[in-house]
């Protein structure tokens, strides 16, 4: 198509004004900024491609300004997959944090110190003070016979 017969580049949605500069119109129904106020401002070729696609009734991706092939006012397949991966990683981190906090609460209730970087470690009990003349119970293996030694009175 010769350049003389091309229509001038016009923003396809002239009804909504940019929320930042309040002078230019937005480039898509679902956005609130014009091309000049976008955080990732596209170059002139991408702007022309977006406007040309909009004139043909094809939506563009809000992130990369490519053709949005996932339906009406959606991200393109590549940007959607990237965003979905970010959401999944964020949710996995949240689940891990909640599980770690629950484990800490359980171990704290049991009197066990919990170090999230390593395994739970038992807190050593304070040594019992023995009084003279009192026999202390001992732990023995089952099936092992021990001699009874009477406690010596002092």
N, C-alpha and C. Protein backbone atom coordinates (compact mmCIF):
# COMPACT_ATOMS: atom_id res chain seq x y z
N UNK A 1 0.86 -1.18 0.00
CA UNK A 1 0.00 0.00 0.00
C UNK A 1 0.89 1.23 0.00
N UNK A 2 0.71 2.10 -0.95
CA UNK A 2 1.51 3.33 -0.97
C UNK A 2 1.25 4.18 0.27
N UNK A 3 2.26 4.91 0.68
CA UNK A 3 2.16 5.72 1.89
C UNK A 3 1.12 6.82 1.76
N UNK A 4 0.82 7.24 0.56
CA UNK A 4 -0.13 8.35 0.39
C UNK A 4 -1.57 7.91 0.63
N UNK A 5 -1.87 6.61 0.45
CA UNK A 5 -3.24 6.16 0.63
C UNK A 5 -3.49 5.58 2.03
N UNK A 6 -2.46 5.49 2.85
CA UNK A 6 -2.66 4.98 4.20
C UNK A 6 -3.41 6.01 5.04
N UNK A 7 -4.31 5.52 5.89
CA UNK A 7 -4.98 6.47 6.78
C UNK A 7 -4.01 6.96 7.85
N UNK A 8 -4.20 8.14 8.39
CA UNK A 8 -3.31 8.64 9.44
C UNK A 8 -3.44 7.77 10.69
N UNK A 9 -2.34 7.69 11.45
CA UNK A 9 -2.35 6.90 12.67
C UNK A 9 -3.17 7.61 13.73
N UNK A 10 -4.26 6.97 14.12
CA UNK A 10 -5.12 7.54 15.15
C UNK A 10 -5.36 6.47 16.21
N UNK A 11 -5.45 6.91 17.43
CA UNK A 11 -5.74 5.97 18.50
C UNK A 11 -7.16 5.46 18.30
N UNK A 12 -7.34 4.14 18.34
CA UNK A 12 -8.65 3.57 18.00
C UNK A 12 -9.75 3.79 19.03
N UNK A 13 -9.42 4.17 20.26
CA UNK A 13 -10.44 4.36 21.28
C UNK A 13 -10.40 5.80 21.79
N UNK A 14 -10.99 6.74 21.06
CA UNK A 14 -10.88 8.15 21.45
C UNK A 14 -11.81 8.55 22.59
N UNK A 15 -12.49 7.62 23.23
CA UNK A 15 -13.44 7.99 24.26
C UNK A 15 -12.85 8.14 25.64
N UNK A 16 -11.70 7.52 25.91
CA UNK A 16 -11.13 7.51 27.25
C UNK A 16 -9.80 8.27 27.26
N UNK A 17 -9.65 9.19 28.21
CA UNK A 17 -8.45 10.02 28.29
C UNK A 17 -7.45 9.38 29.25
N UNK A 18 -6.17 9.59 28.99
CA UNK A 18 -5.09 9.05 29.81
C UNK A 18 -5.21 9.56 31.25
N UNK A 19 -5.00 8.66 32.21
CA UNK A 19 -5.12 9.04 33.62
C UNK A 19 -3.89 9.80 34.13
N UNK A 20 -2.80 9.80 33.38
CA UNK A 20 -1.58 10.47 33.81
C UNK A 20 -1.51 11.89 33.25
N UNK A 21 -1.48 12.00 31.91
CA UNK A 21 -1.31 13.32 31.30
C UNK A 21 -2.65 14.03 31.06
N UNK A 22 -3.73 13.32 31.03
CA UNK A 22 -5.09 13.85 30.84
C UNK A 22 -5.27 14.66 29.55
N UNK A 23 -4.41 14.40 28.56
CA UNK A 23 -4.57 15.08 27.27
C UNK A 23 -4.72 14.09 26.13
N UNK A 24 -3.96 13.00 26.13
CA UNK A 24 -4.02 12.02 25.05
C UNK A 24 -5.04 10.93 25.38
N UNK A 25 -5.46 10.22 24.34
CA UNK A 25 -6.40 9.14 24.52
C UNK A 25 -5.66 7.82 24.73
N UNK A 26 -6.32 6.87 25.40
CA UNK A 26 -5.72 5.57 25.65
C UNK A 26 -5.73 4.76 24.36
N UNK A 27 -4.91 3.71 24.30
CA UNK A 27 -4.77 2.92 23.07
C UNK A 27 -5.55 1.63 23.10
N UNK A 28 -6.16 1.29 24.24
CA UNK A 28 -6.90 0.04 24.38
C UNK A 28 -8.00 0.26 25.41
N UNK A 29 -9.10 -0.43 25.27
CA UNK A 29 -10.23 -0.23 26.17
C UNK A 29 -9.88 -0.53 27.63
N UNK A 30 -9.05 -1.52 27.85
CA UNK A 30 -8.79 -1.97 29.22
C UNK A 30 -7.61 -1.27 29.89
N UNK A 31 -6.95 -0.35 29.23
CA UNK A 31 -5.81 0.35 29.83
C UNK A 31 -6.23 1.76 30.23
N UNK A 32 -5.42 2.40 31.06
CA UNK A 32 -5.76 3.76 31.48
C UNK A 32 -4.66 4.77 31.16
N UNK A 33 -3.69 4.38 30.32
CA UNK A 33 -2.60 5.28 29.94
C UNK A 33 -2.46 5.35 28.43
N UNK A 34 -1.97 6.47 27.96
CA UNK A 34 -1.69 6.61 26.53
C UNK A 34 -0.31 5.99 26.25
N UNK A 35 0.06 5.94 24.97
CA UNK A 35 1.37 5.37 24.63
C UNK A 35 2.51 6.13 25.29
N UNK A 36 2.40 7.45 25.37
CA UNK A 36 3.47 8.27 25.94
C UNK A 36 3.66 8.09 27.43
N UNK A 37 2.62 7.69 28.14
CA UNK A 37 2.69 7.55 29.60
C UNK A 37 2.85 6.10 30.05
N UNK A 38 2.94 5.16 29.11
CA UNK A 38 3.12 3.75 29.48
C UNK A 38 4.47 3.56 30.16
N UNK A 39 4.53 2.62 31.09
CA UNK A 39 5.79 2.34 31.78
C UNK A 39 6.82 1.74 30.82
N UNK A 40 6.35 0.88 29.92
CA UNK A 40 7.24 0.30 28.91
C UNK A 40 6.80 0.83 27.54
N UNK A 41 7.16 2.06 27.30
CA UNK A 41 6.71 2.76 26.10
C UNK A 41 7.21 2.06 24.83
N UNK A 42 6.30 1.75 23.91
CA UNK A 42 6.72 1.10 22.66
C UNK A 42 7.33 2.11 21.68
N UNK A 43 8.09 1.58 20.74
CA UNK A 43 8.67 2.43 19.71
C UNK A 43 7.63 2.79 18.66
N UNK A 44 8.00 3.67 17.73
CA UNK A 44 7.04 4.12 16.71
C UNK A 44 6.52 2.98 15.83
N UNK A 45 7.37 1.99 15.52
CA UNK A 45 6.91 0.87 14.69
C UNK A 45 5.87 0.03 15.41
N UNK A 46 6.09 -0.21 16.70
CA UNK A 46 5.11 -0.99 17.46
C UNK A 46 3.81 -0.21 17.63
N UNK A 47 3.91 1.09 17.84
CA UNK A 47 2.70 1.90 17.95
C UNK A 47 1.90 1.82 16.66
N UNK A 48 2.59 1.93 15.53
CA UNK A 48 1.91 1.84 14.24
C UNK A 48 1.27 0.47 14.05
N UNK A 49 1.98 -0.60 14.48
CA UNK A 49 1.43 -1.95 14.34
C UNK A 49 0.21 -2.15 15.23
N UNK A 50 0.24 -1.62 16.45
CA UNK A 50 -0.91 -1.73 17.35
C UNK A 50 -2.12 -1.02 16.77
N UNK A 51 -1.92 0.17 16.27
CA UNK A 51 -3.03 0.95 15.71
C UNK A 51 -3.57 0.28 14.45
N UNK A 52 -2.67 -0.26 13.64
CA UNK A 52 -3.11 -0.96 12.43
C UNK A 52 -3.93 -2.21 12.78
N UNK A 53 -3.47 -2.96 13.76
CA UNK A 53 -4.23 -4.15 14.19
C UNK A 53 -5.58 -3.75 14.76
N UNK A 54 -5.61 -2.67 15.54
CA UNK A 54 -6.88 -2.22 16.12
C UNK A 54 -7.87 -1.81 15.04
N UNK A 55 -7.35 -1.22 13.95
CA UNK A 55 -8.23 -0.84 12.84
C UNK A 55 -8.83 -2.07 12.17
N UNK A 56 -8.10 -3.21 12.21
CA UNK A 56 -8.61 -4.46 11.64
C UNK A 56 -9.42 -5.25 12.66
N UNK A 57 -9.51 -4.77 13.91
CA UNK A 57 -10.29 -5.45 14.93
C UNK A 57 -9.53 -6.51 15.70
N UNK A 58 -8.20 -6.47 15.67
CA UNK A 58 -7.37 -7.43 16.38
C UNK A 58 -6.77 -6.74 17.60
N UNK A 59 -6.89 -7.38 18.76
CA UNK A 59 -6.35 -6.80 19.99
C UNK A 59 -4.85 -7.01 20.09
N UNK A 60 -4.22 -6.19 20.93
CA UNK A 60 -2.78 -6.28 21.16
C UNK A 60 -2.50 -6.56 22.63
N UNK A 61 -1.37 -7.19 22.87
CA UNK A 61 -0.95 -7.53 24.24
C UNK A 61 -0.58 -6.25 24.99
N UNK A 62 -0.98 -6.15 26.23
CA UNK A 62 -0.67 -4.96 27.03
C UNK A 62 0.78 -4.93 27.49
N UNK A 63 1.47 -6.05 27.43
CA UNK A 63 2.84 -6.11 27.91
C UNK A 63 3.86 -5.92 26.80
N UNK A 64 3.74 -6.71 25.72
CA UNK A 64 4.75 -6.66 24.66
C UNK A 64 4.24 -5.97 23.39
N UNK A 65 2.99 -5.59 23.38
CA UNK A 65 2.34 -4.91 22.25
C UNK A 65 2.28 -5.77 20.99
N UNK A 66 2.46 -7.08 21.15
CA UNK A 66 2.30 -8.00 20.03
C UNK A 66 0.83 -8.35 19.85
N UNK A 67 0.56 -9.22 18.89
CA UNK A 67 -0.83 -9.62 18.64
C UNK A 67 -1.32 -10.51 19.78
N UNK A 68 -2.44 -10.14 20.38
CA UNK A 68 -3.01 -10.92 21.48
C UNK A 68 -3.86 -12.02 20.87
N UNK A 69 -3.31 -13.23 20.83
CA UNK A 69 -4.00 -14.33 20.17
C UNK A 69 -4.81 -15.19 21.13
N UNK A 70 -5.01 -14.73 22.35
CA UNK A 70 -5.77 -15.51 23.32
C UNK A 70 -7.21 -15.04 23.45
N UNK A 71 -7.63 -14.09 22.71
CA UNK A 71 -9.01 -13.64 22.79
C UNK A 71 -9.09 -12.15 23.07
N UNK A 72 -10.27 -11.71 23.44
CA UNK A 72 -10.57 -10.29 23.60
C UNK A 72 -9.84 -9.69 24.80
N UNK A 73 -9.03 -8.68 24.54
CA UNK A 73 -8.34 -7.90 25.57
C UNK A 73 -7.54 -8.76 26.56
N UNK A 74 -6.82 -9.73 26.04
CA UNK A 74 -6.00 -10.61 26.88
C UNK A 74 -4.54 -10.43 26.52
N UNK A 75 -3.67 -11.00 27.34
CA UNK A 75 -2.24 -11.01 27.03
C UNK A 75 -1.98 -12.02 25.92
N UNK A 76 -0.84 -11.88 25.26
CA UNK A 76 -0.46 -12.88 24.26
C UNK A 76 -0.05 -14.17 24.99
N UNK A 77 0.13 -15.23 24.25
CA UNK A 77 0.43 -16.53 24.85
C UNK A 77 1.75 -16.50 25.64
N UNK A 78 2.77 -15.86 25.10
CA UNK A 78 4.08 -15.82 25.77
C UNK A 78 3.99 -15.03 27.07
N UNK A 79 3.39 -13.86 27.04
CA UNK A 79 3.29 -13.03 28.25
C UNK A 79 2.37 -13.68 29.28
N UNK A 80 1.32 -14.36 28.82
CA UNK A 80 0.42 -15.06 29.74
C UNK A 80 1.17 -16.18 30.47
N UNK A 81 1.96 -16.95 29.73
CA UNK A 81 2.74 -18.03 30.36
C UNK A 81 3.74 -17.49 31.36
N UNK A 82 4.39 -16.38 31.03
CA UNK A 82 5.36 -15.77 31.95
C UNK A 82 4.65 -15.29 33.22
N UNK A 83 3.50 -14.63 33.07
CA UNK A 83 2.77 -14.13 34.23
C UNK A 83 2.23 -15.28 35.07
N UNK A 84 1.78 -16.34 34.42
CA UNK A 84 1.27 -17.51 35.13
C UNK A 84 2.38 -18.15 35.96
N UNK A 85 3.59 -18.23 35.38
CA UNK A 85 4.73 -18.78 36.12
C UNK A 85 5.07 -17.93 37.33
N UNK A 86 5.01 -16.61 37.20
CA UNK A 86 5.29 -15.73 38.33
C UNK A 86 4.27 -15.96 39.44
N UNK A 87 2.99 -16.08 39.05
CA UNK A 87 1.94 -16.30 40.05
C UNK A 87 2.14 -17.63 40.76
N UNK A 88 2.50 -18.68 40.02
CA UNK A 88 2.70 -19.99 40.62
C UNK A 88 3.88 -19.98 41.59
N UNK A 89 4.97 -19.32 41.21
CA UNK A 89 6.13 -19.25 42.11
C UNK A 89 5.78 -18.48 43.38
N UNK A 90 5.03 -17.39 43.23
CA UNK A 90 4.64 -16.59 44.39
C UNK A 90 3.75 -17.40 45.33
N UNK A 91 2.80 -18.14 44.78
CA UNK A 91 1.91 -18.95 45.62
C UNK A 91 2.67 -20.08 46.30
N UNK A 92 3.65 -20.67 45.61
CA UNK A 92 4.46 -21.73 46.22
C UNK A 92 5.26 -21.18 47.40
N UNK A 93 5.81 -19.98 47.26
CA UNK A 93 6.55 -19.36 48.36
C UNK A 93 5.62 -19.08 49.54
N UNK A 94 4.38 -18.63 49.26
CA UNK A 94 3.43 -18.38 50.33
C UNK A 94 3.09 -19.67 51.07
N UNK A 95 2.85 -20.76 50.33
CA UNK A 95 2.54 -22.05 50.96
C UNK A 95 3.70 -22.53 51.81
N UNK A 96 4.92 -22.38 51.33
CA UNK A 96 6.10 -22.81 52.08
C UNK A 96 6.25 -22.00 53.36
N UNK A 97 6.01 -20.70 53.28
CA UNK A 97 6.11 -19.84 54.47
C UNK A 97 5.06 -20.24 55.51
N UNK A 98 3.82 -20.48 55.07
CA UNK A 98 2.77 -20.87 56.01
C UNK A 98 3.08 -22.22 56.64
N UNK A 99 3.61 -23.16 55.87
CA UNK A 99 3.96 -24.48 56.41
C UNK A 99 5.09 -24.35 57.42
N UNK A 100 6.08 -23.50 57.13
CA UNK A 100 7.19 -23.29 58.05
C UNK A 100 6.70 -22.67 59.36
N UNK A 101 5.78 -21.69 59.26
CA UNK A 101 5.24 -21.06 60.47
C UNK A 101 4.43 -22.06 61.29
N UNK A 102 3.67 -22.93 60.62
CA UNK A 102 2.89 -23.95 61.33
C UNK A 102 3.82 -24.94 62.03
N UNK A 103 4.90 -25.34 61.36
CA UNK A 103 5.86 -26.27 61.96
C UNK A 103 6.53 -25.63 63.17
N UNK A 104 6.88 -24.36 63.07
CA UNK A 104 7.50 -23.67 64.20
C UNK A 104 6.55 -23.64 65.39
N UNK A 105 5.26 -23.39 65.14
CA UNK A 105 4.29 -23.34 66.22
C UNK A 105 4.14 -24.71 66.88
N UNK A 106 4.12 -25.77 66.08
CA UNK A 106 3.99 -27.13 66.62
C UNK A 106 5.21 -27.48 67.46
N UNK A 107 6.40 -27.23 66.94
CA UNK A 107 7.61 -27.57 67.67
C UNK A 107 7.76 -26.72 68.93
N UNK A 108 7.30 -25.47 68.87
CA UNK A 108 7.37 -24.62 70.04
C UNK A 108 6.46 -25.17 71.14
N UNK A 109 5.28 -25.66 70.73
CA UNK A 109 4.36 -26.26 71.69
C UNK A 109 4.91 -27.53 72.32
N UNK A 110 5.74 -28.26 71.59
CA UNK A 110 6.35 -29.49 72.10
C UNK A 110 7.63 -29.22 72.88
N UNK A 111 8.10 -27.99 72.87
CA UNK A 111 9.34 -27.66 73.58
C UNK A 111 10.58 -28.01 72.79
N UNK A 112 10.46 -28.03 71.48
CA UNK A 112 11.59 -28.36 70.62
C UNK A 112 11.95 -27.12 69.83
N UNK A 113 13.24 -26.79 69.81
CA UNK A 113 13.69 -25.65 69.03
C UNK A 113 13.65 -26.02 67.55
N UNK A 114 13.15 -25.10 66.74
CA UNK A 114 13.02 -25.36 65.30
C UNK A 114 13.85 -24.35 64.54
N UNK A 115 14.82 -24.86 63.79
CA UNK A 115 15.64 -24.02 62.92
C UNK A 115 15.20 -24.32 61.50
N UNK A 116 14.62 -23.33 60.82
CA UNK A 116 14.06 -23.58 59.49
C UNK A 116 15.13 -23.96 58.47
N UNK A 117 16.39 -23.63 58.73
CA UNK A 117 17.44 -23.97 57.78
C UNK A 117 17.89 -25.42 57.93
N UNK A 118 17.63 -26.03 59.07
CA UNK A 118 18.05 -27.41 59.28
C UNK A 118 16.90 -28.20 59.91
N UNK A 119 17.22 -29.32 60.47
CA UNK A 119 16.23 -30.19 61.09
C UNK A 119 15.89 -29.68 62.49
N UNK A 120 14.71 -30.06 63.00
CA UNK A 120 14.38 -29.69 64.38
C UNK A 120 15.38 -30.31 65.35
N UNK A 121 15.71 -29.58 66.39
CA UNK A 121 16.68 -30.05 67.37
C UNK A 121 16.03 -30.04 68.74
N UNK A 122 16.22 -31.13 69.49
CA UNK A 122 15.63 -31.24 70.83
C UNK A 122 16.37 -30.30 71.78
N UNK A 123 15.61 -29.66 72.62
CA UNK A 123 16.19 -28.79 73.63
C UNK A 123 16.60 -29.67 74.80
N UNK A 124 17.85 -29.56 75.21
CA UNK A 124 18.36 -30.38 76.31
C UNK A 124 17.71 -29.94 77.62
N UNK A 125 17.12 -30.91 78.36
CA UNK A 125 16.52 -30.53 79.64
C UNK A 125 17.61 -30.19 80.65
N UNK A 126 17.24 -29.39 81.62
CA UNK A 126 18.20 -29.02 82.66
C UNK A 126 18.47 -30.25 83.52
N UNK A 127 19.72 -30.47 83.94
CA UNK A 127 20.02 -31.65 84.76
C UNK A 127 19.31 -31.57 86.10
N UNK A 128 18.74 -32.70 86.50
CA UNK A 128 18.02 -32.76 87.77
C UNK A 128 19.02 -32.81 88.92
N UNK A 129 18.71 -32.12 89.97
CA UNK A 129 19.58 -32.10 91.14
C UNK A 129 19.17 -33.29 92.00
N UNK A 130 20.13 -34.18 92.27
CA UNK A 130 19.83 -35.36 93.07
C UNK A 130 20.06 -35.06 94.54
N UNK A 131 19.12 -35.51 95.35
CA UNK A 131 19.32 -35.36 96.77
C UNK A 131 20.01 -36.62 97.30
N UNK A 132 20.85 -36.45 98.27
CA UNK A 132 21.57 -37.62 98.79
C UNK A 132 20.60 -38.60 99.44
N UNK A 133 20.86 -39.88 99.24
CA UNK A 133 20.07 -40.93 99.85
C UNK A 133 18.83 -41.30 99.06
N UNK A 134 18.59 -40.69 97.93
CA UNK A 134 17.40 -41.00 97.14
C UNK A 134 17.85 -41.68 95.87
N UNK A 135 17.29 -42.84 95.63
CA UNK A 135 17.63 -43.57 94.41
C UNK A 135 16.90 -42.94 93.23
N UNK A 136 17.60 -42.78 92.15
CA UNK A 136 16.97 -42.21 90.95
C UNK A 136 16.62 -43.34 90.00
N UNK A 137 15.47 -43.25 89.36
CA UNK A 137 15.09 -44.31 88.42
C UNK A 137 16.01 -44.28 87.20
N UNK A 138 16.29 -45.45 86.69
CA UNK A 138 17.13 -45.52 85.50
C UNK A 138 16.37 -46.23 84.39
N UNK A 139 16.79 -46.00 83.19
CA UNK A 139 16.15 -46.63 82.04
C UNK A 139 16.94 -47.87 81.70
N UNK A 140 16.25 -48.98 81.52
CA UNK A 140 16.94 -50.21 81.15
C UNK A 140 16.29 -50.81 79.93
N UNK A 141 17.08 -51.55 79.21
CA UNK A 141 16.58 -52.21 78.01
C UNK A 141 15.70 -53.38 78.43
N UNK A 142 14.65 -53.71 77.65
CA UNK A 142 13.79 -54.84 78.02
C UNK A 142 14.56 -56.15 77.91
N UNK A 143 14.32 -57.05 78.85
CA UNK A 143 14.95 -58.36 78.83
C UNK A 143 16.32 -58.38 79.48
N UNK A 144 16.80 -57.25 80.00
CA UNK A 144 18.11 -57.20 80.64
C UNK A 144 17.88 -57.16 82.14
N UNK A 145 18.52 -58.10 82.84
CA UNK A 145 18.33 -58.19 84.29
C UNK A 145 19.35 -57.31 84.99
N UNK A 146 18.89 -56.52 85.95
CA UNK A 146 19.79 -55.66 86.71
C UNK A 146 19.73 -56.04 88.17
N UNK A 147 20.81 -55.76 88.87
CA UNK A 147 20.87 -56.05 90.30
C UNK A 147 20.26 -54.89 91.06
N UNK A 148 19.49 -55.23 92.10
CA UNK A 148 18.92 -54.18 92.94
C UNK A 148 19.94 -53.79 93.99
N UNK A 149 20.32 -52.54 93.98
CA UNK A 149 21.28 -52.03 94.96
C UNK A 149 20.52 -51.08 95.85
N UNK A 150 20.48 -51.35 97.14
CA UNK A 150 19.73 -50.46 98.03
C UNK A 150 20.45 -49.13 98.18
N UNK A 151 19.64 -48.09 98.39
CA UNK A 151 20.19 -46.76 98.58
C UNK A 151 20.85 -46.69 99.94
N UNK A 152 21.99 -46.05 100.01
CA UNK A 152 22.75 -45.95 101.24
C UNK A 152 22.29 -44.70 101.97
N UNK A 153 21.91 -44.86 103.23
CA UNK A 153 21.48 -43.71 104.02
C UNK A 153 22.71 -43.01 104.58
N UNK A 154 22.74 -41.72 104.57
CA UNK A 154 23.88 -40.99 105.09
C UNK A 154 23.53 -40.22 106.31
